[in-house]
PDB file of all heavy atoms in Angstrom:
ATOM      1  N   MET A   1       1.142  24.292 -75.878  1.00  0.00           N
ATOM      2  CA  MET A   1       1.080  25.421 -76.819  1.00  0.00           C
ATOM      3  C   MET A   1      -0.355  25.973 -76.754  1.00  0.00           C
ATOM      4  O   MET A   1      -1.327  25.223 -76.877  1.00  0.00           O
ATOM      5  CB  MET A   1       1.445  24.931 -78.213  1.00  0.00           C
ATOM      6  CG  MET A   1       2.953  24.590 -78.301  1.00  0.00           C
ATOM      7  SD  MET A   1       3.438  23.906 -79.857  1.00  0.00           S
ATOM      8  CE  MET A   1       2.546  22.328 -79.793  1.00  0.00           C
ATOM      9  N   TYR A   2      -0.493  27.307 -76.593  1.00  0.00           N
ATOM     10  CA  TYR A   2      -1.770  27.968 -76.577  1.00  0.00           C
ATOM     11  C   TYR A   2      -1.582  29.399 -76.971  1.00  0.00           C
ATOM     12  O   TYR A   2      -0.446  29.920 -77.060  1.00  0.00           O
ATOM     13  CB  TYR A   2      -2.361  27.886 -75.178  1.00  0.00           C
ATOM     14  CG  TYR A   2      -1.614  28.581 -74.088  1.00  0.00           C
ATOM     15  CD1 TYR A   2      -2.083  29.830 -73.690  1.00  0.00           C
ATOM     16  CD2 TYR A   2      -0.431  27.994 -73.505  1.00  0.00           C
ATOM     17  CE1 TYR A   2      -1.358  30.495 -72.658  1.00  0.00           C
ATOM     18  CE2 TYR A   2       0.203  28.698 -72.541  1.00  0.00           C
ATOM     19  CZ  TYR A   2      -0.210  29.890 -72.104  1.00  0.00           C
ATOM     20  OH  TYR A   2       0.467  30.569 -71.125  1.00  0.00           O
ATOM     21  N   THR A   3      -2.734  30.044 -77.202  1.00  0.00           N
ATOM     22  CA  THR A   3      -2.731  31.509 -77.492  1.00  0.00           C
ATOM     23  C   THR A   3      -3.094  32.211 -76.277  1.00  0.00           C
ATOM     24  O   THR A   3      -4.228  32.135 -75.748  1.00  0.00           O
ATOM     25  CB  THR A   3      -3.741  31.804 -78.634  1.00  0.00           C
ATOM     26  OG1 THR A   3      -3.475  30.958 -79.798  1.00  0.00           O
ATOM     27  CG2 THR A   3      -3.695  33.311 -79.080  1.00  0.00           C
ATOM     28  N   PRO A   4      -2.168  33.097 -75.767  1.00  0.00           N
ATOM     29  CA  PRO A   4      -2.536  33.788 -74.539  1.00  0.00           C
ATOM     30  C   PRO A   4      -3.482  34.912 -74.745  1.00  0.00           C
ATOM     31  O   PRO A   4      -3.678  35.416 -75.840  1.00  0.00           O
ATOM     32  CB  PRO A   4      -1.108  34.362 -74.023  1.00  0.00           C
ATOM     33  CG  PRO A   4      -0.329  34.346 -75.241  1.00  0.00           C
ATOM     34  CD  PRO A   4      -0.858  33.349 -76.240  1.00  0.00           C
ATOM     35  N   GLY A   5      -4.127  35.401 -73.733  1.00  0.00           N
ATOM     36  CA  GLY A   5      -5.085  36.529 -73.825  1.00  0.00           C
ATOM     37  C   GLY A   5      -6.346  36.242 -73.011  1.00  0.00           C
ATOM     38  O   GLY A   5      -6.530  35.118 -72.568  1.00  0.00           O
ATOM     39  N   PRO A   6      -7.225  37.253 -72.871  1.00  0.00           N
ATOM     40  CA  PRO A   6      -8.383  36.979 -72.111  1.00  0.00           C
ATOM     41  C   PRO A   6      -9.391  36.058 -72.877  1.00  0.00           C
ATOM     42  O   PRO A   6      -9.407  36.072 -74.126  1.00  0.00           O
ATOM     43  CB  PRO A   6      -9.059  38.354 -71.962  1.00  0.00           C
ATOM     44  CG  PRO A   6      -8.498  39.143 -73.098  1.00  0.00           C
ATOM     45  CD  PRO A   6      -7.069  38.588 -73.340  1.00  0.00           C
ATOM     46  N   VAL A   7     -10.217  35.358 -72.113  1.00  0.00           N
ATOM     47  CA  VAL A   7     -11.223  34.546 -72.787  1.00  0.00           C
ATOM     48  C   VAL A   7     -12.609  34.993 -72.358  1.00  0.00           C
ATOM     49  O   VAL A   7     -12.939  35.204 -71.130  1.00  0.00           O
ATOM     50  CB  VAL A   7     -11.077  33.046 -72.294  1.00  0.00           C
ATOM     51  CG1 VAL A   7     -12.118  32.133 -72.958  1.00  0.00           C
ATOM     52  CG2 VAL A   7      -9.689  32.514 -72.564  1.00  0.00           C
ATOM     53  N   ALA A   8     -13.431  35.354 -73.266  1.00  0.00           N
ATOM     54  CA  ALA A   8     -14.801  35.921 -72.970  1.00  0.00           C
ATOM     55  C   ALA A   8     -15.701  34.775 -72.380  1.00  0.00           C
ATOM     56  O   ALA A   8     -15.396  33.622 -72.554  1.00  0.00           O
ATOM     57  CB  ALA A   8     -15.414  36.463 -74.281  1.00  0.00           C
ATOM     58  N   ALA A   9     -16.713  35.253 -71.689  1.00  0.00           N
ATOM     59  CA  ALA A   9     -17.689  34.304 -71.088  1.00  0.00           C
ATOM     60  C   ALA A   9     -18.259  33.446 -72.111  1.00  0.00           C
ATOM     61  O   ALA A   9     -18.710  33.861 -73.163  1.00  0.00           O
ATOM     62  CB  ALA A   9     -18.706  35.068 -70.292  1.00  0.00           C
ATOM     63  N   GLY A  10     -18.232  32.108 -71.754  1.00  0.00           N
ATOM     64  CA  GLY A  10     -18.901  31.117 -72.774  1.00  0.00           C
ATOM     65  C   GLY A  10     -17.972  30.681 -73.798  1.00  0.00           C
ATOM     66  O   GLY A  10     -18.320  29.737 -74.543  1.00  0.00           O
ATOM     67  N   LEU A  11     -16.817  31.307 -74.083  1.00  0.00           N
ATOM     68  CA  LEU A  11     -15.877  30.919 -75.092  1.00  0.00           C
ATOM     69  C   LEU A  11     -14.804  29.992 -74.609  1.00  0.00           C
ATOM     70  O   LEU A  11     -14.727  29.725 -73.416  1.00  0.00           O
ATOM     71  CB  LEU A  11     -15.321  32.150 -75.814  1.00  0.00           C
ATOM     72  CG  LEU A  11     -16.275  33.010 -76.539  1.00  0.00           C
ATOM     73  CD1 LEU A  11     -15.496  34.094 -77.252  1.00  0.00           C
ATOM     74  CD2 LEU A  11     -17.122  32.291 -77.504  1.00  0.00           C
ATOM     75  N   GLN A  12     -14.112  29.454 -75.569  1.00  0.00           N
ATOM     76  CA  GLN A  12     -13.044  28.398 -75.138  1.00  0.00           C
ATOM     77  C   GLN A  12     -11.763  28.617 -75.912  1.00  0.00           C
ATOM     78  O   GLN A  12     -11.745  29.365 -76.913  1.00  0.00           O
ATOM     79  CB  GLN A  12     -13.618  27.030 -75.376  1.00  0.00           C
ATOM     80  CG  GLN A  12     -13.994  26.789 -76.808  1.00  0.00           C
ATOM     81  CD  GLN A  12     -14.804  25.561 -76.984  1.00  0.00           C
ATOM     82  OE1 GLN A  12     -15.590  25.222 -76.087  1.00  0.00           O
ATOM     83  NE2 GLN A  12     -14.737  24.836 -78.090  1.00  0.00           N
ATOM     84  N   VAL A  13     -10.688  28.070 -75.344  1.00  0.00           N
ATOM     85  CA  VAL A  13      -9.335  28.150 -75.924  1.00  0.00           C
ATOM     86  C   VAL A  13      -8.842  26.775 -75.954  1.00  0.00           C
ATOM     87  O   VAL A  13      -9.080  25.890 -75.150  1.00  0.00           O
ATOM     88  CB  VAL A  13      -8.439  29.008 -75.055  1.00  0.00           C
ATOM     89  CG1 VAL A  13      -6.997  28.945 -75.538  1.00  0.00           C
ATOM     90  CG2 VAL A  13      -8.947  30.397 -74.916  1.00  0.00           C
ATOM     91  N   GLU A  14      -8.101  26.428 -77.096  1.00  0.00           N
ATOM     92  CA  GLU A  14      -7.577  25.040 -77.224  1.00  0.00           C
ATOM     93  C   GLU A  14      -6.108  25.093 -76.701  1.00  0.00           C
ATOM     94  O   GLU A  14      -5.290  25.977 -76.982  1.00  0.00           O
ATOM     95  CB  GLU A  14      -7.611  24.649 -78.669  1.00  0.00           C
ATOM     96  CG  GLU A  14      -8.944  24.270 -79.215  1.00  0.00           C
ATOM     97  CD  GLU A  14      -8.846  23.758 -80.695  1.00  0.00           C
ATOM     98  OE1 GLU A  14      -7.790  23.648 -81.274  1.00  0.00           O
ATOM     99  OE2 GLU A  14      -9.944  23.342 -81.142  1.00  0.00           O
ATOM    100  N   LEU A  15      -5.772  24.065 -75.902  1.00  0.00           N
ATOM    101  CA  LEU A  15      -4.456  23.881 -75.418  1.00  0.00           C
ATOM    102  C   LEU A  15      -3.960  22.642 -76.098  1.00  0.00           C
ATOM    103  O   LEU A  15      -4.538  21.547 -76.073  1.00  0.00           O
ATOM    104  CB  LEU A  15      -4.468  23.642 -73.927  1.00  0.00           C
ATOM    105  CG  LEU A  15      -5.097  24.654 -73.009  1.00  0.00           C
ATOM    106  CD1 LEU A  15      -5.038  24.211 -71.606  1.00  0.00           C
ATOM    107  CD2 LEU A  15      -4.380  26.038 -73.157  1.00  0.00           C
ATOM    108  N   GLU A  16      -2.814  22.769 -76.789  1.00  0.00           N
ATOM    109  CA  GLU A  16      -2.173  21.612 -77.398  1.00  0.00           C
ATOM    110  C   GLU A  16      -1.114  21.057 -76.595  1.00  0.00           C
ATOM    111  O   GLU A  16      -0.100  21.659 -76.286  1.00  0.00           O
ATOM    112  CB  GLU A  16      -1.667  21.973 -78.833  1.00  0.00           C
ATOM    113  CG  GLU A  16      -1.041  20.871 -79.502  1.00  0.00           C
ATOM    114  CD  GLU A  16      -1.443  20.678 -80.969  1.00  0.00           C
ATOM    115  OE1 GLU A  16      -2.452  21.351 -81.416  1.00  0.00           O
ATOM    116  OE2 GLU A  16      -0.857  19.799 -81.602  1.00  0.00           O
ATOM    117  N   ILE A  17      -1.378  19.807 -76.083  1.00  0.00           N
ATOM    118  CA  ILE A  17      -0.356  19.189 -75.245  1.00  0.00           C
ATOM    119  C   ILE A  17       0.530  18.271 -76.149  1.00  0.00           C
ATOM    120  O   ILE A  17       0.005  17.347 -76.859  1.00  0.00           O
ATOM    121  CB  ILE A  17      -1.045  18.218 -74.180  1.00  0.00           C
ATOM    122  CG1 ILE A  17      -2.225  18.906 -73.520  1.00  0.00           C
ATOM    123  CG2 ILE A  17      -0.075  17.656 -73.216  1.00  0.00           C
ATOM    124  CD1 ILE A  17      -1.828  20.171 -72.710  1.00  0.00           C
ATOM    125  N   GLU A  18       1.775  18.617 -76.217  1.00  0.00           N
ATOM    126  CA  GLU A  18       2.703  17.920 -77.015  1.00  0.00           C
ATOM    127  C   GLU A  18       3.736  17.134 -76.209  1.00  0.00           C
ATOM    128  O   GLU A  18       4.259  17.701 -75.172  1.00  0.00           O
ATOM    129  CB  GLU A  18       3.462  18.931 -77.917  1.00  0.00           C
ATOM    130  CG  GLU A  18       4.253  18.277 -79.034  1.00  0.00           C
ATOM    131  CD  GLU A  18       4.784  19.271 -79.895  1.00  0.00           C
ATOM    132  OE1 GLU A  18       4.163  19.748 -80.880  1.00  0.00           O
ATOM    133  OE2 GLU A  18       5.988  19.681 -79.621  1.00  0.00           O
ATOM    134  N   ILE A  19       3.997  15.937 -76.485  1.00  0.00           N
ATOM    135  CA  ILE A  19       4.950  15.047 -75.672  1.00  0.00           C
ATOM    136  C   ILE A  19       6.024  14.490 -76.618  1.00  0.00           C
ATOM    137  O   ILE A  19       5.637  13.894 -77.662  1.00  0.00           O
ATOM    138  CB  ILE A  19       4.238  13.980 -74.803  1.00  0.00           C
ATOM    139  CG1 ILE A  19       5.263  13.298 -73.946  1.00  0.00           C
ATOM    140  CG2 ILE A  19       3.406  13.097 -75.688  1.00  0.00           C
ATOM    141  CD1 ILE A  19       4.694  12.389 -72.882  1.00  0.00           C
ATOM    142  N   PHE A  20       7.239  14.626 -76.298  1.00  0.00           N
ATOM    143  CA  PHE A  20       8.325  13.931 -76.979  1.00  0.00           C
ATOM    144  C   PHE A  20       8.653  12.742 -76.109  1.00  0.00           C
ATOM    145  O   PHE A  20       9.110  12.895 -74.946  1.00  0.00           O
ATOM    146  CB  PHE A  20       9.512  14.855 -77.224  1.00  0.00           C
ATOM    147  CG  PHE A  20      10.690  14.133 -77.828  1.00  0.00           C
ATOM    148  CD1 PHE A  20      10.581  13.761 -79.206  1.00  0.00           C
ATOM    149  CD2 PHE A  20      11.786  13.708 -77.112  1.00  0.00           C
ATOM    150  CE1 PHE A  20      11.660  13.140 -79.807  1.00  0.00           C
ATOM    151  CE2 PHE A  20      12.852  13.035 -77.781  1.00  0.00           C
ATOM    152  CZ  PHE A  20      12.734  12.813 -79.097  1.00  0.00           C
ATOM    153  N   ALA A  21       8.366  11.516 -76.640  1.00  0.00           N
ATOM    154  CA  ALA A  21       8.474  10.292 -75.844  1.00  0.00           C
ATOM    155  C   ALA A  21       9.928   9.951 -75.712  1.00  0.00           C
ATOM    156  O   ALA A  21      10.691   9.661 -76.641  1.00  0.00           O
ATOM    157  CB  ALA A  21       7.726   9.111 -76.514  1.00  0.00           C
ATOM    158  N   MET A  22      10.489  10.116 -74.408  1.00  0.00           N
ATOM    159  CA  MET A  22      11.815   9.704 -74.164  1.00  0.00           C
ATOM    160  C   MET A  22      11.913   9.062 -72.830  1.00  0.00           C
ATOM    161  O   MET A  22      11.104   9.270 -71.908  1.00  0.00           O
ATOM    162  CB  MET A  22      12.780  10.965 -74.220  1.00  0.00           C
ATOM    163  CG  MET A  22      12.339  12.004 -73.119  1.00  0.00           C
ATOM    164  SD  MET A  22      13.430  13.418 -73.346  1.00  0.00           S
ATOM    165  CE  MET A  22      12.635  14.607 -72.215  1.00  0.00           C
ATOM    166  N   VAL A  23      12.859   8.092 -72.702  1.00  0.00           N
ATOM    167  CA  VAL A  23      13.088   7.342 -71.475  1.00  0.00           C
ATOM    168  C   VAL A  23      14.121   8.057 -70.719  1.00  0.00           C
ATOM    169  O   VAL A  23      15.236   8.259 -71.189  1.00  0.00           O
ATOM    170  CB  VAL A  23      13.447   5.914 -71.880  1.00  0.00           C
ATOM    171  CG1 VAL A  23      13.696   5.068 -70.586  1.00  0.00           C
ATOM    172  CG2 VAL A  23      12.300   5.260 -72.607  1.00  0.00           C
ATOM    173  N   ILE A  24      13.873   8.300 -69.418  1.00  0.00           N
ATOM    174  CA  ILE A  24      14.859   9.029 -68.578  1.00  0.00           C
ATOM    175  C   ILE A  24      15.746   8.077 -67.897  1.00  0.00           C
ATOM    176  O   ILE A  24      16.940   8.218 -67.899  1.00  0.00           O
ATOM    177  CB  ILE A  24      14.027   9.949 -67.538  1.00  0.00           C
ATOM    178  CG1 ILE A  24      13.178  10.912 -68.321  1.00  0.00           C
ATOM    179  CG2 ILE A  24      15.014  10.633 -66.642  1.00  0.00           C
ATOM    180  CD1 ILE A  24      12.127  11.601 -67.520  1.00  0.00           C
ATOM    181  N   GLY A  25      15.188   7.032 -67.158  1.00  0.00           N
ATOM    182  CA  GLY A  25      15.949   6.103 -66.368  1.00  0.00           C
ATOM    183  C   GLY A  25      16.689   5.077 -67.303  1.00  0.00           C
ATOM    184  O   GLY A  25      16.179   4.725 -68.308  1.00  0.00           O
ATOM    185  N   GLY A  26      17.849   4.733 -66.897  1.00  0.00           N
ATOM    186  CA  GLY A  26      18.643   3.742 -67.567  1.00  0.00           C
ATOM    187  C   GLY A  26      18.413   2.358 -67.124  1.00  0.00           C
ATOM    188  O   GLY A  26      18.823   1.353 -67.902  1.00  0.00           O
ATOM    189  N   GLU A  27      17.673   2.078 -66.055  1.00  0.00           N
ATOM    190  CA  GLU A  27      17.440   0.705 -65.581  1.00  0.00           C
ATOM    191  C   GLU A  27      16.355   0.027 -66.472  1.00  0.00           C
ATOM    192  O   GLU A  27      15.570   0.667 -67.134  1.00  0.00           O
ATOM    193  CB  GLU A  27      17.065   0.746 -64.075  1.00  0.00           C
ATOM    194  CG  GLU A  27      15.657   1.226 -63.872  1.00  0.00           C
ATOM    195  CD  GLU A  27      15.617   2.731 -63.736  1.00  0.00           C
ATOM    196  OE1 GLU A  27      16.561   3.434 -63.703  1.00  0.00           O
ATOM    197  OE2 GLU A  27      14.442   3.236 -63.706  1.00  0.00           O
ATOM    198  N   ASP A  28      16.372  -1.221 -66.404  1.00  0.00           N
ATOM    199  CA  ASP A  28      15.471  -2.115 -67.186  1.00  0.00           C
ATOM    200  C   ASP A  28      14.164  -2.063 -66.513  1.00  0.00           C
ATOM    201  O   ASP A  28      13.973  -2.538 -65.342  1.00  0.00           O
ATOM    202  CB  ASP A  28      15.984  -3.529 -67.341  1.00  0.00           C
ATOM    203  CG  ASP A  28      15.123  -4.371 -68.134  1.00  0.00           C
ATOM    204  OD1 ASP A  28      14.497  -3.801 -69.033  1.00  0.00           O
ATOM    205  OD2 ASP A  28      15.097  -5.640 -67.896  1.00  0.00           O
ATOM    206  N   THR A  29      13.155  -1.533 -67.188  1.00  0.00           N
ATOM    207  CA  THR A  29      11.795  -1.501 -66.598  1.00  0.00           C
ATOM    208  C   THR A  29      10.763  -2.425 -67.239  1.00  0.00           C
ATOM    209  O   THR A  29       9.619  -2.208 -67.192  1.00  0.00           O
ATOM    210  CB  THR A  29      11.241  -0.019 -66.675  1.00  0.00           C
ATOM    211  OG1 THR A  29      11.230   0.346 -68.058  1.00  0.00           O
ATOM    212  CG2 THR A  29      12.073   0.917 -65.860  1.00  0.00           C
ATOM    213  N   GLY A  30      11.337  -3.455 -67.910  1.00  0.00           N
ATOM    214  CA  GLY A  30      10.470  -4.377 -68.604  1.00  0.00           C
ATOM    215  C   GLY A  30       9.902  -3.908 -69.911  1.00  0.00           C
ATOM    216  O   GLY A  30       8.900  -4.319 -70.397  1.00  0.00           O
ATOM    217  N   GLY A  31      10.524  -2.848 -70.545  1.00  0.00           N
ATOM    218  CA  GLY A  31      10.141  -2.376 -71.806  1.00  0.00           C
ATOM    219  C   GLY A  31       9.162  -1.243 -71.790  1.00  0.00           C
ATOM    220  O   GLY A  31       8.855  -0.570 -72.779  1.00  0.00           O
TER     221      GLY A  31
END
């Protein structure tokens, strides 16, 4: 999640990385 648009020289934008923890494989991977 982020706010699109140009970024001026020397300025910064925050990117929020969000993860929903889910297991895809059905095999036993040791937890």
